[in-house]
Amino acid sequence: MRKLLGFIIFLVSFSTSVAADYGGWIDMIKNYDEHKYCGDYARNSGEDDWKQTDIYFDCRENLDRQKLRN
């Protein structure tokens, strides 16, 4: 029973709502081009790490909004 519960938790962790947030490792595989574009954009901004994270998330949100419009 314990192994079954562990297996179920393992499978749930791969669902898109749990592990595919912006910048997560599943996101890097599924949306590589967007991840690379926004990561490069944030790194080249010259800001500190915390500000780069904000820039990255803003970039990803803008790309998602553009996808919804099209």
PDB file of N, CA and C in Angstrom:
ATOM      1  N   MET A   1       0.821  -1.186   0.000  1.00  0.00           N
ATOM      2  CA  MET A   1       0.000   0.000   0.000  1.00  0.00           C
ATOM      3  C   MET A   1       0.871   1.258   0.000  1.00  0.00           C
ATOM      4  N   ARG A   2       1.949   1.197   0.754  1.00  0.00           N
ATOM      5  CA  ARG A   2       2.830   2.358   0.838  1.00  0.00           C
ATOM      6  C   ARG A   2       3.493   2.642  -0.511  1.00  0.00           C
ATOM      7  N   LYS A   3       3.872   1.584  -1.217  1.00  0.00           N
ATOM      8  CA  LYS A   3       4.484   1.762  -2.536  1.00  0.00           C
ATOM      9  C   LYS A   3       3.480   2.362  -3.521  1.00  0.00           C
ATOM     10  N   LEU A   4       2.235   1.921  -3.437  1.00  0.00           N
ATOM     11  CA  LEU A   4       1.194   2.453  -4.312  1.00  0.00           C
ATOM     12  C   LEU A   4       0.982   3.945  -4.058  1.00  0.00           C
ATOM     13  N   LEU A   5       0.929   4.325  -2.801  1.00  0.00           N
ATOM     14  CA  LEU A   5       0.769   5.732  -2.456  1.00  0.00           C
ATOM     15  C   LEU A   5       1.961   6.553  -2.958  1.00  0.00           C
ATOM     16  N   GLY A   6       3.149   6.039  -2.794  1.00  0.00           N
ATOM     17  CA  GLY A   6       4.339   6.722  -3.293  1.00  0.00           C
ATOM     18  C   GLY A   6       4.311   6.877  -4.801  1.00  0.00           C
ATOM     19  N   PHE A   7       3.858   5.849  -5.504  1.00  0.00           N
ATOM     20  CA  PHE A   7       3.766   5.895  -6.957  1.00  0.00           C
ATOM     21  C   PHE A   7       2.733   6.928  -7.404  1.00  0.00           C
ATOM     22  N   ILE A   8       1.614   7.008  -6.713  1.00  0.00           N
ATOM     23  CA  ILE A   8       0.580   7.988  -7.052  1.00  0.00           C
ATOM     24  C   ILE A   8       1.102   9.409  -6.834  1.00  0.00           C
ATOM     25  N   ILE A   9       1.779   9.631  -5.736  1.00  0.00           N
ATOM     26  CA  ILE A   9       2.356  10.956  -5.477  1.00  0.00           C
ATOM     27  C   ILE A   9       3.393  11.290  -6.539  1.00  0.00           C
ATOM     28  N   PHE A  10       4.183  10.314  -6.944  1.00  0.00           N
ATOM     29  CA  PHE A  10       5.180  10.515  -7.997  1.00  0.00           C
ATOM     30  C   PHE A  10       4.508  10.923  -9.302  1.00  0.00           C
ATOM     31  N   LEU A  11       3.430  10.269  -9.685  1.00  0.00           N
ATOM     32  CA  LEU A  11       2.723  10.612 -10.918  1.00  0.00           C
ATOM     33  C   LEU A  11       2.067  11.985 -10.841  1.00  0.00           C
ATOM     34  N   VAL A  12       1.500  12.315  -9.709  1.00  0.00           N
ATOM     35  CA  VAL A  12       0.840  13.610  -9.549  1.00  0.00           C
ATOM     36  C   VAL A  12       1.866  14.738  -9.650  1.00  0.00           C
ATOM     37  N   SER A  13       3.084  14.485  -9.216  1.00  0.00           N
ATOM     38  CA  SER A  13       4.101  15.533  -9.267  1.00  0.00           C
ATOM     39  C   SER A  13       4.472  15.904 -10.698  1.00  0.00           C
ATOM     40  N   PHE A  14       4.128  15.055 -11.661  1.00  0.00           N
ATOM     41  CA  PHE A  14       4.415  15.353 -13.053  1.00  0.00           C
ATOM     42  C   PHE A  14       3.240  16.001 -13.783  1.00  0.00           C
ATOM     43  N   SER A  15       2.148  16.249 -13.081  1.00  0.00           N
ATOM     44  CA  SER A  15       1.028  16.906 -13.740  1.00  0.00           C
ATOM     45  C   SER A  15       1.406  18.350 -14.025  1.00  0.00           C
ATOM     46  N   THR A  16       0.803  18.930 -15.037  1.00  0.00           N
ATOM     47  CA  THR A  16       1.180  20.276 -15.467  1.00  0.00           C
ATOM     48  C   THR A  16       0.865  21.324 -14.412  1.00  0.00           C
ATOM     49  N   SER A  17      -0.135  21.113 -13.601  1.00  0.00           N
ATOM     50  CA  SER A  17      -0.475  22.121 -12.603  1.00  0.00           C
ATOM     51  C   SER A  17       0.497  22.136 -11.430  1.00  0.00           C
ATOM     52  N   VAL A  18       1.240  21.079 -11.242  1.00  0.00           N
ATOM     53  CA  VAL A  18       2.142  20.998 -10.096  1.00  0.00           C
ATOM     54  C   VAL A  18       3.569  21.358 -10.470  1.00  0.00           C
ATOM     55  N   ALA A  19       4.103  20.789 -11.536  1.00  0.00           N
ATOM     56  CA  ALA A  19       5.538  20.894 -11.790  1.00  0.00           C
ATOM     57  C   ALA A  19       5.917  21.721 -13.004  1.00  0.00           C
ATOM     58  N   ALA A  20       4.969  22.290 -13.713  1.00  0.00           N
ATOM     59  CA  ALA A  20       5.324  22.983 -14.953  1.00  0.00           C
ATOM     60  C   ALA A  20       5.182  24.500 -14.827  1.00  0.00           C
ATOM     61  N   ASP A  21       5.491  25.006 -13.662  1.00  0.00           N
ATOM     62  CA  ASP A  21       5.466  26.444 -13.476  1.00  0.00           C
ATOM     63  C   ASP A  21       6.590  27.076 -14.282  1.00  0.00           C
ATOM     64  N   TYR A  22       6.535  28.378 -14.476  1.00  0.00           N
ATOM     65  CA  TYR A  22       7.579  29.058 -15.237  1.00  0.00           C
ATOM     66  C   TYR A  22       8.947  28.741 -14.649  1.00  0.00           C
ATOM     67  N   GLY A  23       9.859  28.307 -15.494  1.00  0.00           N
ATOM     68  CA  GLY A  23      11.226  28.065 -15.067  1.00  0.00           C
ATOM     69  C   GLY A  23      11.460  26.715 -14.443  1.00  0.00           C
ATOM     70  N   GLY A  24      10.431  25.920 -14.255  1.00  0.00           N
ATOM     71  CA  GLY A  24      10.618  24.579 -13.722  1.00  0.00           C
ATOM     72  C   GLY A  24      11.285  23.680 -14.739  1.00  0.00           C
ATOM     73  N   TRP A  25      11.743  22.522 -14.303  1.00  0.00           N
ATOM     74  CA  TRP A  25      12.490  21.655 -15.225  1.00  0.00           C
ATOM     75  C   TRP A  25      11.608  21.072 -16.305  1.00  0.00           C
ATOM     76  N   ILE A  26      10.326  20.862 -16.033  1.00  0.00           N
ATOM     77  CA  ILE A  26       9.424  20.386 -17.083  1.00  0.00           C
ATOM     78  C   ILE A  26       9.173  21.513 -18.082  1.00  0.00           C
ATOM     79  N   ASP A  27       9.060  22.734 -17.575  1.00  0.00           N
ATOM     80  CA  ASP A  27       8.863  23.887 -18.453  1.00  0.00           C
ATOM     81  C   ASP A  27      10.044  24.061 -19.397  1.00  0.00           C
ATOM     82  N   MET A  28      11.250  23.805 -18.913  1.00  0.00           N
ATOM     83  CA  MET A  28      12.436  23.939 -19.762  1.00  0.00           C
ATOM     84  C   MET A  28      12.387  22.955 -20.929  1.00  0.00           C
ATOM     85  N   ILE A  29      11.769  21.807 -20.722  1.00  0.00           N
ATOM     86  CA  ILE A  29      11.679  20.792 -21.781  1.00  0.00           C
ATOM     87  C   ILE A  29      10.522  21.115 -22.727  1.00  0.00           C
ATOM     88  N   LYS A  30       9.362  21.456 -22.166  1.00  0.00           N
ATOM     89  CA  LYS A  30       8.174  21.685 -22.987  1.00  0.00           C
ATOM     90  C   LYS A  30       8.217  22.994 -23.756  1.00  0.00           C
ATOM     91  N   ASN A  31       8.766  24.036 -23.151  1.00  0.00           N
ATOM     92  CA  ASN A  31       8.762  25.370 -23.753  1.00  0.00           C
ATOM     93  C   ASN A  31      10.190  25.904 -23.836  1.00  0.00           C
ATOM     94  N   TYR A  32      11.053  25.141 -24.438  1.00  0.00           N
ATOM     95  CA  TYR A  32      12.481  25.469 -24.441  1.00  0.00           C
ATOM     96  C   TYR A  32      12.761  26.837 -25.053  1.00  0.00           C
ATOM     97  N   ASP A  33      12.158  27.140 -26.200  1.00  0.00           N
ATOM     98  CA  ASP A  33      12.446  28.403 -26.886  1.00  0.00           C
ATOM     99  C   ASP A  33      12.035  29.610 -26.044  1.00  0.00           C
ATOM    100  N   GLU A  34      10.854  29.539 -25.437  1.00  0.00           N
ATOM    101  CA  GLU A  34      10.395  30.636 -24.592  1.00  0.00           C
ATOM    102  C   GLU A  34      11.275  30.778 -23.358  1.00  0.00           C
ATOM    103  N   HIS A  35      11.621  29.647 -22.753  1.00  0.00           N
ATOM    104  CA  HIS A  35      12.468  29.661 -21.567  1.00  0.00           C
ATOM    105  C   HIS A  35      13.834  30.272 -21.884  1.00  0.00           C
ATOM    106  N   LYS A  36      14.411  29.874 -23.004  1.00  0.00           N
ATOM    107  CA  LYS A  36      15.723  30.387 -23.393  1.00  0.00           C
ATOM    108  C   LYS A  36      15.651  31.880 -23.712  1.00  0.00           C
ATOM    109  N   TYR A  37      14.628  32.293 -24.452  1.00  0.00           N
ATOM    110  CA  TYR A  37      14.481  33.708 -24.814  1.00  0.00           C
ATOM    111  C   TYR A  37      14.370  34.578 -23.565  1.00  0.00           C
ATOM    112  N   CYS A  38      13.464  34.223 -22.669  1.00  0.00           N
ATOM    113  CA  CYS A  38      13.245  35.045 -21.481  1.00  0.00           C
ATOM    114  C   CYS A  38      14.429  34.955 -20.513  1.00  0.00           C
ATOM    115  N   GLY A  39      15.063  33.798 -20.424  1.00  0.00           N
ATOM    116  CA  GLY A  39      16.246  33.668 -19.574  1.00  0.00           C
ATOM    117  C   GLY A  39      17.382  34.537 -20.071  1.00  0.00           C
ATOM    118  N   ASP A  40      17.625  34.520 -21.379  1.00  0.00           N
ATOM    119  CA  ASP A  40      18.675  35.376 -21.948  1.00  0.00           C
ATOM    120  C   ASP A  40      18.330  36.853 -21.765  1.00  0.00           C
ATOM    121  N   TYR A  41      17.074  37.194 -21.972  1.00  0.00           N
ATOM    122  CA  TYR A  41      16.625  38.575 -21.810  1.00  0.00           C
ATOM    123  C   TYR A  41      16.868  39.060 -20.375  1.00  0.00           C
ATOM    124  N   ALA A  42      16.525  38.222 -19.400  1.00  0.00           N
ATOM    125  CA  ALA A  42      16.697  38.598 -17.998  1.00  0.00           C
ATOM    126  C   ALA A  42      18.180  38.680 -17.626  1.00  0.00           C
ATOM    127  N   ARG A  43      18.982  37.722 -18.077  1.00  0.00           N
ATOM    128  CA  ARG A  43      20.409  37.741 -17.743  1.00  0.00           C
ATOM    129  C   ARG A  43      21.125  38.935 -18.354  1.00  0.00           C
ATOM    130  N   ASN A  44      20.711  39.349 -19.535  1.00  0.00           N
ATOM    131  CA  ASN A  44      21.359  40.464 -20.209  1.00  0.00           C
ATOM    132  C   ASN A  44      20.868  41.825 -19.733  1.00  0.00           C
ATOM    133  N   SER A  45      19.945  41.831 -18.788  1.00  0.00           N
ATOM    134  CA  SER A  45      19.409  43.100 -18.295  1.00  0.00           C
ATOM    135  C   SER A  45      20.408  43.846 -17.407  1.00  0.00           C
ATOM    136  N   GLY A  46      21.367  43.138 -16.820  1.00  0.00           N
ATOM    137  CA  GLY A  46      22.351  43.775 -15.961  1.00  0.00           C
ATOM    138  C   GLY A  46      21.859  44.040 -14.549  1.00  0.00           C
ATOM    139  N   GLU A  47      20.705  43.514 -14.192  1.00  0.00           N
ATOM    140  CA  GLU A  47      20.138  43.716 -12.855  1.00  0.00           C
ATOM    141  C   GLU A  47      20.644  42.636 -11.897  1.00  0.00           C
ATOM    142  N   ASP A  48      20.308  42.795 -10.607  1.00  0.00           N
ATOM    143  CA  ASP A  48      20.670  41.760  -9.634  1.00  0.00           C
ATOM    144  C   ASP A  48      19.771  40.535  -9.821  1.00  0.00           C
ATOM    145  N   ASP A  49      20.084  39.452  -9.122  1.00  0.00           N
ATOM    146  CA  ASP A  49      19.376  38.180  -9.319  1.00  0.00           C
ATOM    147  C   ASP A  49      17.875  38.282  -9.058  1.00  0.00           C
ATOM    148  N   TRP A  50      17.489  39.005  -8.016  1.00  0.00           N
ATOM    149  CA  TRP A  50      16.065  39.105  -7.696  1.00  0.00           C
ATOM    150  C   TRP A  50      15.308  39.842  -8.796  1.00  0.00           C
ATOM    151  N   LYS A  51      15.889  40.903  -9.294  1.00  0.00           N
ATOM    152  CA  LYS A  51      15.248  41.669 -10.367  1.00  0.00           C
ATOM    153  C   LYS A  51      15.219  40.849 -11.658  1.00  0.00           C
ATOM    154  N   GLN A  52      16.260  40.056 -11.910  1.00  0.00           N
ATOM    155  CA  GLN A  52      16.278  39.197 -13.101  1.00  0.00           C
ATOM    156  C   GLN A  52      15.140  38.188 -13.059  1.00  0.00           C
ATOM    157  N   THR A  53      14.855  37.676 -11.870  1.00  0.00           N
ATOM    158  CA  THR A  53      13.741  36.733 -11.729  1.00  0.00           C
ATOM    159  C   THR A  53      12.422  37.413 -12.083  1.00  0.00           C
ATOM    160  N   ASP A  54      12.234  38.624 -11.599  1.00  0.00           N
ATOM    161  CA  ASP A  54      11.015  39.374 -11.926  1.00  0.00           C
ATOM    162  C   ASP A  54      10.917  39.626 -13.430  1.00  0.00           C
ATOM    163  N   ILE A  55      12.036  39.991 -14.040  1.00  0.00           N
ATOM    164  CA  ILE A  55      12.050  40.249 -15.488  1.00  0.00           C
ATOM    165  C   ILE A  55      11.704  38.973 -16.246  1.00  0.00           C
ATOM    166  N   TYR A  56      12.237  37.836 -15.808  1.00  0.00           N
ATOM    167  CA  TYR A  56      11.951  36.555 -16.454  1.00  0.00           C
ATOM    168  C   TYR A  56      10.460  36.234 -16.389  1.00  0.00           C
ATOM    169  N   PHE A  57       9.872  36.356 -15.197  1.00  0.00           N
ATOM    170  CA  PHE A  57       8.455  36.042 -15.047  1.00  0.00           C
ATOM    171  C   PHE A  57       7.578  36.995 -15.851  1.00  0.00           C
ATOM    172  N   ASP A  58       7.926  38.267 -15.870  1.00  0.00           N
ATOM    173  CA  ASP A  58       7.167  39.233 -16.678  1.00  0.00           C
ATOM    174  C   ASP A  58       7.236  38.878 -18.159  1.00  0.00           C
ATOM    175  N   CYS A  59       8.402  38.482 -18.618  1.00  0.00           N
ATOM    176  CA  CYS A  59       8.578  38.083 -20.019  1.00  0.00           C
ATOM    177  C   CYS A  59       7.700  36.879 -20.347  1.00  0.00           C
ATOM    178  N   ARG A  60       7.712  35.872 -19.473  1.00  0.00           N
ATOM    179  CA  ARG A  60       6.903  34.673 -19.724  1.00  0.00           C
ATOM    180  C   ARG A  60       5.419  34.998 -19.714  1.00  0.00           C
ATOM    181  N   GLU A  61       4.984  35.856 -18.812  1.00  0.00           N
ATOM    182  CA  GLU A  61       3.573  36.237 -18.782  1.00  0.00           C
ATOM    183  C   GLU A  61       3.181  36.970 -20.056  1.00  0.00           C
ATOM    184  N   ASN A  62       4.048  37.841 -20.538  1.00  0.00           N
ATOM    185  CA  ASN A  62       3.765  38.563 -21.785  1.00  0.00           C
ATOM    186  C   ASN A  62       3.685  37.605 -22.969  1.00  0.00           C
ATOM    187  N   LEU A  63       4.567  36.623 -23.019  1.00  0.00           N
ATOM    188  CA  LEU A  63       4.507  35.636 -24.102  1.00  0.00           C
ATOM    189  C   LEU A  63       3.221  34.827 -24.036  1.00  0.00           C
ATOM    190  N   ASP A  64       2.789  34.469 -22.824  1.00  0.00           N
ATOM    191  CA  ASP A  64       1.538  33.717 -22.678  1.00  0.00           C
ATOM    192  C   ASP A  64       0.339  34.554 -23.116  1.00  0.00           C
ATOM    193  N   ARG A  65       0.340  35.830 -22.784  1.00  0.00           N
ATOM    194  CA  ARG A  65      -0.753  36.704 -23.221  1.00  0.00           C
ATOM    195  C   ARG A  65      -0.785  36.827 -24.737  1.00  0.00           C
ATOM    196  N   GLN A  66       0.387  36.913 -25.361  1.00  0.00           N
ATOM    197  CA  GLN A  66       0.438  36.993 -26.828  1.00  0.00           C
ATOM    198  C   GLN A  66      -0.107  35.716 -27.442  1.00  0.00           C
ATOM    199  N   LYS A  67       0.181  34.568 -26.847  1.00  0.00           N
ATOM    200  CA  LYS A  67      -0.352  33.285 -27.362  1.00  0.00           C
ATOM    201  C   LYS A  67      -1.870  33.276 -27.275  1.00  0.00           C
ATOM    202  N   LEU A  68      -2.420  33.783 -26.171  1.00  0.00           N
ATOM    203  CA  LEU A  68      -3.876  33.774 -26.007  1.00  0.00           C
ATOM    204  C   LEU A  68      -4.566  34.688 -27.012  1.00  0.00           C
ATOM    205  N   ARG A  69      -3.928  35.795 -27.365  1.00  0.00           N
ATOM    206  CA  ARG A  69      -4.524  36.718 -28.343  1.00  0.00           C
ATOM    207  C   ARG A  69      -4.543  36.128 -29.738  1.00  0.00           C
ATOM    208  N   ASN A  70      -3.572  35.310 -30.059  1.00  0.00           N
ATOM    209  CA  ASN A  70      -3.479  34.768 -31.428  1.00  0.00           C
ATOM    210  C   ASN A  70      -4.250  33.530 -31.577  1.00  0.00           C
TER     211      ASN A  70
END
